[in-house]
């Protein structure tokens, strides 16, 4: 199981929660809950997630929310298109 916490100021608004539910509800193997008292979204993914942090960030951005990831981002959720440093 892979866990991720996202702080998004304004997610406590019921309209934002409903919109977020419609966007996150289609992501396979994702369980999540919203802590509306603290503007935190807790997410749990299966071992092989179908999304990465860029996709998650874009979901929040489309709702006019600024997603801030709490703690380290798990390796499985990091973007795979990193550039390599030339020596």
PDB file of N, CA and C in Angstrom:
ATOM      1  N   UNK A   1       0.834  -1.159   0.000  1.00  0.00           N
ATOM      2  CA  UNK A   1       0.000   0.000   0.000  1.00  0.00           C
ATOM      3  C   UNK A   1       0.894   1.242   0.000  1.00  0.00           C
ATOM      4  N   UNK A   2       0.527   2.211  -0.802  1.00  0.00           N
ATOM      5  CA  UNK A   2       1.261   3.473  -0.919  1.00  0.00           C
ATOM      6  C   UNK A   2       0.368   4.579  -0.383  1.00  0.00           C
ATOM      7  N   UNK A   3       0.919   5.377   0.518  1.00  0.00           N
ATOM      8  CA  UNK A   3       0.142   6.446   1.134  1.00  0.00           C
ATOM      9  C   UNK A   3       0.677   7.804   0.726  1.00  0.00           C
ATOM     10  N   UNK A   4      -0.241   8.755   0.590  1.00  0.00           N
ATOM     11  CA  UNK A   4       0.117  10.121   0.221  1.00  0.00           C
ATOM     12  C   UNK A   4      -0.859  11.066   0.904  1.00  0.00           C
ATOM     13  N   UNK A   5      -0.320  12.140   1.461  1.00  0.00           N
ATOM     14  CA  UNK A   5      -1.155  13.175   2.068  1.00  0.00           C
ATOM     15  C   UNK A   5      -0.991  14.455   1.270  1.00  0.00           C
ATOM     16  N   UNK A   6      -2.119  15.116   1.011  1.00  0.00           N
ATOM     17  CA  UNK A   6      -2.119  16.350   0.237  1.00  0.00           C
ATOM     18  C   UNK A   6      -2.827  17.431   1.040  1.00  0.00           C
ATOM     19  N   UNK A   7      -2.144  18.556   1.226  1.00  0.00           N
ATOM     20  CA  UNK A   7      -2.771  19.726   1.839  1.00  0.00           C
ATOM     21  C   UNK A   7      -3.261  20.614   0.707  1.00  0.00           C
ATOM     22  N   UNK A   8      -4.524  20.987   0.749  1.00  0.00           N
ATOM     23  CA  UNK A   8      -5.107  21.857  -0.273  1.00  0.00           C
ATOM     24  C   UNK A   8      -6.061  22.828   0.404  1.00  0.00           C
ATOM     25  N   UNK A   9      -5.579  24.044   0.626  1.00  0.00           N
ATOM     26  CA  UNK A   9      -6.408  25.059   1.279  1.00  0.00           C
ATOM     27  C   UNK A   9      -7.683  25.278   0.468  1.00  0.00           C
ATOM     28  N   UNK A  10      -8.831  25.216   1.132  1.00  0.00           N
ATOM     29  CA  UNK A  10     -10.109  25.419   0.466  1.00  0.00           C
ATOM     30  C   UNK A  10     -10.855  24.148   0.159  1.00  0.00           C
ATOM     31  N   UNK A  11     -10.234  22.991   0.411  1.00  0.00           N
ATOM     32  CA  UNK A  11     -10.903  21.729   0.097  1.00  0.00           C
ATOM     33  C   UNK A  11     -12.039  21.442   1.075  1.00  0.00           C
ATOM     34  N   UNK A  12     -12.161  22.225   2.129  1.00  0.00           N
ATOM     35  CA  UNK A  12     -13.253  22.011   3.081  1.00  0.00           C
ATOM     36  C   UNK A  12     -14.605  22.465   2.533  1.00  0.00           C
ATOM     37  N   UNK A  13     -14.620  23.222   1.443  1.00  0.00           N
ATOM     38  CA  UNK A  13     -15.860  23.648   0.807  1.00  0.00           C
ATOM     39  C   UNK A  13     -16.570  22.429   0.218  1.00  0.00           C
ATOM     40  N   UNK A  14     -17.847  22.257   0.513  1.00  0.00           N
ATOM     41  CA  UNK A  14     -18.578  21.065   0.082  1.00  0.00           C
ATOM     42  C   UNK A  14     -18.602  20.911  -1.433  1.00  0.00           C
ATOM     43  N   UNK A  15     -18.677  22.004  -2.171  1.00  0.00           N
ATOM     44  CA  UNK A  15     -18.654  21.919  -3.634  1.00  0.00           C
ATOM     45  C   UNK A  15     -17.319  21.368  -4.128  1.00  0.00           C
ATOM     46  N   UNK A  16     -16.234  21.795  -3.496  1.00  0.00           N
ATOM     47  CA  UNK A  16     -14.901  21.296  -3.867  1.00  0.00           C
ATOM     48  C   UNK A  16     -14.777  19.811  -3.538  1.00  0.00           C
ATOM     49  N   UNK A  17     -15.324  19.404  -2.404  1.00  0.00           N
ATOM     50  CA  UNK A  17     -15.281  17.989  -2.022  1.00  0.00           C
ATOM     51  C   UNK A  17     -16.040  17.141  -3.036  1.00  0.00           C
ATOM     52  N   UNK A  18     -17.185  17.621  -3.478  1.00  0.00           N
ATOM     53  CA  UNK A  18     -17.979  16.871  -4.457  1.00  0.00           C
ATOM     54  C   UNK A  18     -17.256  16.784  -5.801  1.00  0.00           C
ATOM     55  N   UNK A  19     -16.651  17.877  -6.232  1.00  0.00           N
ATOM     56  CA  UNK A  19     -15.896  17.866  -7.482  1.00  0.00           C
ATOM     57  C   UNK A  19     -14.674  16.952  -7.372  1.00  0.00           C
ATOM     58  N   UNK A  20     -14.008  17.012  -6.233  1.00  0.00           N
ATOM     59  CA  UNK A  20     -12.849  16.155  -6.015  1.00  0.00           C
ATOM     60  C   UNK A  20     -13.263  14.691  -6.030  1.00  0.00           C
ATOM     61  N   UNK A  21     -14.400  14.386  -5.438  1.00  0.00           N
ATOM     62  CA  UNK A  21     -14.907  13.021  -5.427  1.00  0.00           C
ATOM     63  C   UNK A  21     -15.166  12.509  -6.838  1.00  0.00           C
ATOM     64  N   UNK A  22     -15.717  13.351  -7.689  1.00  0.00           N
ATOM     65  CA  UNK A  22     -15.995  12.908  -9.061  1.00  0.00           C
ATOM     66  C   UNK A  22     -14.709  12.706  -9.860  1.00  0.00           C
ATOM     67  N   UNK A  23     -13.638  13.440  -9.530  1.00  0.00           N
ATOM     68  CA  UNK A  23     -12.366  13.280 -10.237  1.00  0.00           C
ATOM     69  C   UNK A  23     -11.520  12.139  -9.689  1.00  0.00           C
ATOM     70  N   UNK A  24     -11.490  11.979  -8.379  1.00  0.00           N
ATOM     71  CA  UNK A  24     -10.676  10.922  -7.784  1.00  0.00           C
ATOM     72  C   UNK A  24     -11.389   9.568  -7.800  1.00  0.00           C
ATOM     73  N   UNK A  25     -12.698   9.580  -7.903  1.00  0.00           N
ATOM     74  CA  UNK A  25     -13.458   8.339  -7.898  1.00  0.00           C
ATOM     75  C   UNK A  25     -13.185   7.435  -9.075  1.00  0.00           C
ATOM     76  N   UNK A  26     -12.643   7.968 -10.149  1.00  0.00           N
ATOM     77  CA  UNK A  26     -12.374   7.165 -11.343  1.00  0.00           C
ATOM     78  C   UNK A  26     -10.954   6.595 -11.370  1.00  0.00           C
ATOM     79  N   UNK A  27     -10.121   6.955 -10.414  1.00  0.00           N
ATOM     80  CA  UNK A  27      -8.744   6.454 -10.372  1.00  0.00           C
ATOM     81  C   UNK A  27      -8.766   5.046  -9.784  1.00  0.00           C
ATOM     82  N   UNK A  28      -8.265   4.059 -10.546  1.00  0.00           N
ATOM     83  CA  UNK A  28      -8.285   2.670 -10.058  1.00  0.00           C
ATOM     84  C   UNK A  28      -7.415   2.494  -8.809  1.00  0.00           C
ATOM     85  N   UNK A  29      -7.835   1.624  -7.919  1.00  0.00           N
ATOM     86  CA  UNK A  29      -7.094   1.267  -6.698  1.00  0.00           C
ATOM     87  C   UNK A  29      -6.759   2.451  -5.811  1.00  0.00           C
ATOM     88  N   UNK A  30      -7.614   3.466  -5.794  1.00  0.00           N
ATOM     89  CA  UNK A  30      -7.396   4.621  -4.925  1.00  0.00           C
ATOM     90  C   UNK A  30      -8.496   4.685  -3.881  1.00  0.00           C
ATOM     91  N   UNK A  31      -8.075   4.741  -2.638  1.00  0.00           N
ATOM     92  CA  UNK A  31      -8.999   5.015  -1.534  1.00  0.00           C
ATOM     93  C   UNK A  31      -8.533   6.320  -0.921  1.00  0.00           C
ATOM     94  N   UNK A  32      -9.476   7.162  -0.563  1.00  0.00           N
ATOM     95  CA  UNK A  32      -9.104   8.460  -0.013  1.00  0.00           C
ATOM     96  C   UNK A  32     -10.173   8.949   0.940  1.00  0.00           C
ATOM     97  N   UNK A  33      -9.771   9.887   1.784  1.00  0.00           N
ATOM     98  CA  UNK A  33     -10.741  10.568   2.639  1.00  0.00           C
ATOM     99  C   UNK A  33     -10.268  12.005   2.803  1.00  0.00           C
ATOM    100  N   UNK A  34     -11.227  12.878   3.012  1.00  0.00           N
ATOM    101  CA  UNK A  34     -10.961  14.302   3.146  1.00  0.00           C
ATOM    102  C   UNK A  34     -11.151  14.703   4.600  1.00  0.00           C
ATOM    103  N   UNK A  35     -10.130  15.308   5.174  1.00  0.00           N
ATOM    104  CA  UNK A  35     -10.228  15.884   6.517  1.00  0.00           C
ATOM    105  C   UNK A  35     -10.570  17.353   6.322  1.00  0.00           C
ATOM    106  N   UNK A  36     -11.852  17.647   6.349  1.00  0.00           N
ATOM    107  CA  UNK A  36     -12.294  19.009   6.033  1.00  0.00           C
ATOM    108  C   UNK A  36     -11.958  20.009   7.136  1.00  0.00           C
ATOM    109  N   UNK A  37     -11.633  19.533   8.321  1.00  0.00           N
ATOM    110  CA  UNK A  37     -11.235  20.447   9.387  1.00  0.00           C
ATOM    111  C   UNK A  37      -9.828  21.010   9.173  1.00  0.00           C
ATOM    112  N   UNK A  38      -8.995  20.254   8.460  1.00  0.00           N
ATOM    113  CA  UNK A  38      -7.598  20.647   8.287  1.00  0.00           C
ATOM    114  C   UNK A  38      -7.181  20.785   6.824  1.00  0.00           C
ATOM    115  N   UNK A  39      -8.119  20.666   5.880  1.00  0.00           N
ATOM    116  CA  UNK A  39      -7.835  20.783   4.442  1.00  0.00           C
ATOM    117  C   UNK A  39      -6.810  19.752   3.970  1.00  0.00           C
ATOM    118  N   UNK A  40      -6.920  18.538   4.472  1.00  0.00           N
ATOM    119  CA  UNK A  40      -6.003  17.455   4.114  1.00  0.00           C
ATOM    120  C   UNK A  40      -6.781  16.356   3.398  1.00  0.00           C
ATOM    121  N   UNK A  41      -6.183  15.815   2.342  1.00  0.00           N
ATOM    122  CA  UNK A  41      -6.741  14.654   1.656  1.00  0.00           C
ATOM    123  C   UNK A  41      -5.755  13.507   1.848  1.00  0.00           C
ATOM    124  N   UNK A  42      -6.208  12.423   2.467  1.00  0.00           N
ATOM    125  CA  UNK A  42      -5.396  11.232   2.676  1.00  0.00           C
ATOM    126  C   UNK A  42      -5.688  10.256   1.548  1.00  0.00           C
ATOM    127  N   UNK A  43      -4.640   9.752   0.896  1.00  0.00           N
ATOM    128  CA  UNK A  43      -4.823   8.840  -0.230  1.00  0.00           C
ATOM    129  C   UNK A  43      -4.050   7.552   0.005  1.00  0.00           C
ATOM    130  N   UNK A  44      -4.641   6.438  -0.408  1.00  0.00           N
ATOM    131  CA  UNK A  44      -3.997   5.132  -0.363  1.00  0.00           C
ATOM    132  C   UNK A  44      -4.128   4.494  -1.738  1.00  0.00           C
ATOM    133  N   UNK A  45      -3.000   4.090  -2.298  1.00  0.00           N
ATOM    134  CA  UNK A  45      -2.954   3.456  -3.612  1.00  0.00           C
ATOM    135  C   UNK A  45      -2.539   2.008  -3.462  1.00  0.00           C
ATOM    136  N   UNK A  46      -2.829   1.207  -4.491  1.00  0.00           N
ATOM    137  CA  UNK A  46      -2.318  -0.150  -4.546  1.00  0.00           C
ATOM    138  C   UNK A  46      -0.825  -0.118  -4.832  1.00  0.00           C
ATOM    139  N   UNK A  47      -0.221  -1.279  -4.956  1.00  0.00           N
ATOM    140  CA  UNK A  47       1.234  -1.366  -5.149  1.00  0.00           C
ATOM    141  C   UNK A  47       1.699  -0.814  -6.497  1.00  0.00           C
ATOM    142  N   UNK A  48       0.840  -0.817  -7.494  1.00  0.00           N
ATOM    143  CA  UNK A  48       1.212  -0.320  -8.819  1.00  0.00           C
ATOM    144  C   UNK A  48       0.221   0.766  -9.237  1.00  0.00           C
ATOM    145  N   UNK A  49       0.410   2.003  -8.752  1.00  0.00           N
ATOM    146  CA  UNK A  49      -0.564   3.068  -9.031  1.00  0.00           C
ATOM    147  C   UNK A  49      -0.609   3.443 -10.516  1.00  0.00           C
ATOM    148  N   UNK A  50      -1.780   3.816 -10.972  1.00  0.00           N
ATOM    149  CA  UNK A  50      -1.968   4.178 -12.383  1.00  0.00           C
ATOM    150  C   UNK A  50      -1.783   5.669 -12.621  1.00  0.00           C
ATOM    151  N   UNK A  51      -1.512   6.436 -11.576  1.00  0.00           N
ATOM    152  CA  UNK A  51      -1.303   7.874 -11.694  1.00  0.00           C
ATOM    153  C   UNK A  51       0.016   8.249 -11.023  1.00  0.00           C
ATOM    154  N   UNK A  52       0.463   9.479 -11.296  1.00  0.00           N
ATOM    155  CA  UNK A  52       1.641   9.987 -10.611  1.00  0.00           C
ATOM    156  C   UNK A  52       1.290  11.341  -9.991  1.00  0.00           C
ATOM    157  N   UNK A  53       2.257  11.967  -9.333  1.00  0.00           N
ATOM    158  CA  UNK A  53       1.976  13.219  -8.633  1.00  0.00           C
ATOM    159  C   UNK A  53       1.597  14.338  -9.593  1.00  0.00           C
ATOM    160  N   UNK A  54       2.102  14.301 -10.815  1.00  0.00           N
ATOM    161  CA  UNK A  54       1.725  15.329 -11.790  1.00  0.00           C
ATOM    162  C   UNK A  54       0.235  15.253 -12.104  1.00  0.00           C
ATOM    163  N   UNK A  55      -0.277  14.041 -12.246  1.00  0.00           N
ATOM    164  CA  UNK A  55      -1.702  13.845 -12.521  1.00  0.00           C
ATOM    165  C   UNK A  55      -2.542  14.282 -11.327  1.00  0.00           C
ATOM    166  N   UNK A  56      -2.111  13.919 -10.132  1.00  0.00           N
ATOM    167  CA  UNK A  56      -2.830  14.321  -8.919  1.00  0.00           C
ATOM    168  C   UNK A  56      -2.838  15.839  -8.785  1.00  0.00           C
ATOM    169  N   UNK A  57      -1.691  16.452  -9.020  1.00  0.00           N
ATOM    170  CA  UNK A  57      -1.590  17.913  -8.937  1.00  0.00           C
ATOM    171  C   UNK A  57      -2.527  18.573  -9.956  1.00  0.00           C
ATOM    172  N   UNK A  58      -2.645  18.008 -11.157  1.00  0.00           N
ATOM    173  CA  UNK A  58      -3.513  18.595 -12.183  1.00  0.00           C
ATOM    174  C   UNK A  58      -4.994  18.470 -11.802  1.00  0.00           C
ATOM    175  N   UNK A  59      -5.359  17.400 -11.111  1.00  0.00           N
ATOM    176  CA  UNK A  59      -6.743  17.258 -10.638  1.00  0.00           C
ATOM    177  C   UNK A  59      -7.077  18.393  -9.680  1.00  0.00           C
ATOM    178  N   UNK A  60      -6.179  18.654  -8.745  1.00  0.00           N
ATOM    179  CA  UNK A  60      -6.411  19.736  -7.787  1.00  0.00           C
ATOM    180  C   UNK A  60      -6.379  21.098  -8.473  1.00  0.00           C
ATOM    181  N   UNK A  61      -5.471  21.272  -9.418  1.00  0.00           N
ATOM    182  CA  UNK A  61      -5.360  22.548 -10.129  1.00  0.00           C
ATOM    183  C   UNK A  61      -6.632  22.840 -10.920  1.00  0.00           C
ATOM    184  N   UNK A  62      -7.234  21.817 -11.520  1.00  0.00           N
ATOM    185  CA  UNK A  62      -8.486  22.004 -12.268  1.00  0.00           C
ATOM    186  C   UNK A  62      -9.632  22.447 -11.368  1.00  0.00           C
ATOM    187  N   UNK A  63      -9.509  22.195 -10.073  1.00  0.00           N
ATOM    188  CA  UNK A  63     -10.518  22.624  -9.103  1.00  0.00           C
ATOM    189  C   UNK A  63     -10.127  23.926  -8.424  1.00  0.00           C
ATOM    190  N   UNK A  64      -9.103  24.582  -8.950  1.00  0.00           N
ATOM    191  CA  UNK A  64      -8.565  25.836  -8.382  1.00  0.00           C
ATOM    192  C   UNK A  64      -8.054  25.646  -6.964  1.00  0.00           C
ATOM    193  N   UNK A  65      -7.447  24.488  -6.717  1.00  0.00           N
ATOM    194  CA  UNK A  65      -6.832  24.186  -5.429  1.00  0.00           C
ATOM    195  C   UNK A  65      -5.334  23.989  -5.633  1.00  0.00           C
ATOM    196  N   UNK A  66      -4.548  24.491  -4.698  1.00  0.00           N
ATOM    197  CA  UNK A  66      -3.102  24.347  -4.756  1.00  0.00           C
ATOM    198  C   UNK A  66      -2.705  23.143  -3.908  1.00  0.00           C
ATOM    199  N   UNK A  67      -2.325  22.036  -4.558  1.00  0.00           N
ATOM    200  CA  UNK A  67      -1.961  20.813  -3.847  1.00  0.00           C
ATOM    201  C   UNK A  67      -0.528  20.911  -3.333  1.00  0.00           C
ATOM    202  N   UNK A  68      -0.378  20.700  -2.044  1.00  0.00           N
ATOM    203  CA  UNK A  68       0.945  20.666  -1.405  1.00  0.00           C
ATOM    204  C   UNK A  68       1.092  19.289  -0.768  1.00  0.00           C
ATOM    205  N   UNK A  69       2.093  18.557  -1.194  1.00  0.00           N
ATOM    206  CA  UNK A  69       2.288  17.203  -0.703  1.00  0.00           C
ATOM    207  C   UNK A  69       2.980  17.240   0.653  1.00  0.00           C
ATOM    208  N   UNK A  70       2.447  16.484   1.597  1.00  0.00           N
ATOM    209  CA  UNK A  70       2.960  16.449   2.958  1.00  0.00           C
ATOM    210  C   UNK A  70       3.923  15.273   3.068  1.00  0.00           C
ATOM    211  N   UNK A  71       5.140  15.548   3.471  1.00  0.00           N
ATOM    212  CA  UNK A  71       6.134  14.485   3.616  1.00  0.00           C
ATOM    213  C   UNK A  71       6.756  14.106   2.287  1.00  0.00           C
ATOM    214  N   UNK A  72       7.439  12.973   2.297  1.00  0.00           N
ATOM    215  CA  UNK A  72       8.110  12.478   1.098  1.00  0.00           C
ATOM    216  C   UNK A  72       7.096  11.884   0.125  1.00  0.00           C
ATOM    217  N   UNK A  73       7.359  12.090  -1.150  1.00  0.00           N
ATOM    218  CA  UNK A  73       6.526  11.490  -2.193  1.00  0.00           C
ATOM    219  C   UNK A  73       7.071  10.095  -2.471  1.00  0.00           C
ATOM    220  N   UNK A  74       6.234   9.069  -2.369  1.00  0.00           N
ATOM    221  CA  UNK A  74       6.706   7.703  -2.636  1.00  0.00           C
ATOM    222  C   UNK A  74       7.261   7.569  -4.057  1.00  0.00           C
ATOM    223  N   UNK A  75       8.272   6.750  -4.187  1.00  0.00           N
ATOM    224  CA  UNK A  75       8.961   6.557  -5.473  1.00  0.00           C
ATOM    225  C   UNK A  75       7.994   6.129  -6.580  1.00  0.00           C
ATOM    226  N   UNK A  76       7.005   5.303  -6.253  1.00  0.00           N
ATOM    227  CA  UNK A  76       6.058   4.793  -7.251  1.00  0.00           C
ATOM    228  C   UNK A  76       5.174   5.893  -7.826  1.00  0.00           C
ATOM    229  N   UNK A  77       5.043   7.020  -7.117  1.00  0.00           N
ATOM    230  CA  UNK A  77       4.180   8.106  -7.578  1.00  0.00           C
ATOM    231  C   UNK A  77       4.957   9.246  -8.242  1.00  0.00           C
ATOM    232  N   UNK A  78       6.269   9.165  -8.225  1.00  0.00           N
ATOM    233  CA  UNK A  78       7.062  10.233  -8.838  1.00  0.00           C
ATOM    234  C   UNK A  78       6.997  10.139 -10.353  1.00  0.00           C
ATOM    235  N   UNK A  79       7.202  11.263 -10.993  1.00  0.00           N
ATOM    236  CA  UNK A  79       7.173  11.308 -12.455  1.00  0.00           C
ATOM    237  C   UNK A  79       8.304  10.463 -13.025  1.00  0.00           C
ATOM    238  N   UNK A  80       8.002   9.739 -14.060  1.00  0.00           N
ATOM    239  CA  UNK A  80       8.998   8.866 -14.688  1.00  0.00           C
ATOM    240  C   UNK A  80       9.809   9.588 -15.747  1.00  0.00           C
ATOM    241  N   UNK A  81       9.422  10.807 -16.094  1.00  0.00           N
ATOM    242  CA  UNK A  81      10.087  11.515 -17.178  1.00  0.00           C
ATOM    243  C   UNK A  81      11.152  12.479 -16.662  1.00  0.00           C
ATOM    244  N   UNK A  82      11.952  12.039 -15.714  1.00  0.00           N
ATOM    245  CA  UNK A  82      13.018  12.884 -15.195  1.00  0.00           C
ATOM    246  C   UNK A  82      14.151  12.957 -16.209  1.00  0.00           C
ATOM    247  N   UNK A  83      14.822  14.058 -16.201  1.00  0.00           N
ATOM    248  CA  UNK A  83      15.972  14.196 -17.081  1.00  0.00           C
ATOM    249  C   UNK A  83      17.214  13.708 -16.366  1.00  0.00           C
ATOM    250  N   UNK A  84      18.171  13.266 -17.146  1.00  0.00           N
ATOM    251  CA  UNK A  84      19.429  12.799 -16.571  1.00  0.00           C
ATOM    252  C   UNK A  84      20.474  13.894 -16.714  1.00  0.00           C
ATOM    253  N   UNK A  85      21.325  13.947 -15.751  1.00  0.00           N
ATOM    254  CA  UNK A  85      22.404  14.929 -15.772  1.00  0.00           C
ATOM    255  C   UNK A  85      23.512  14.450 -16.692  1.00  0.00           C
ATOM    256  N   UNK A  86      23.956  15.323 -17.584  1.00  0.00           N
ATOM    257  CA  UNK A  86      25.053  14.978 -18.482  1.00  0.00           C
ATOM    258  C   UNK A  86      26.375  15.245 -17.784  1.00  0.00           C
ATOM    259  N   UNK A  87      27.284  14.332 -17.946  1.00  0.00           N
ATOM    260  CA  UNK A  87      28.603  14.488 -17.312  1.00  0.00           C
ATOM    261  C   UNK A  87      29.603  15.077 -18.259  1.00  0.00           C
TER     262      UNK A  87
END
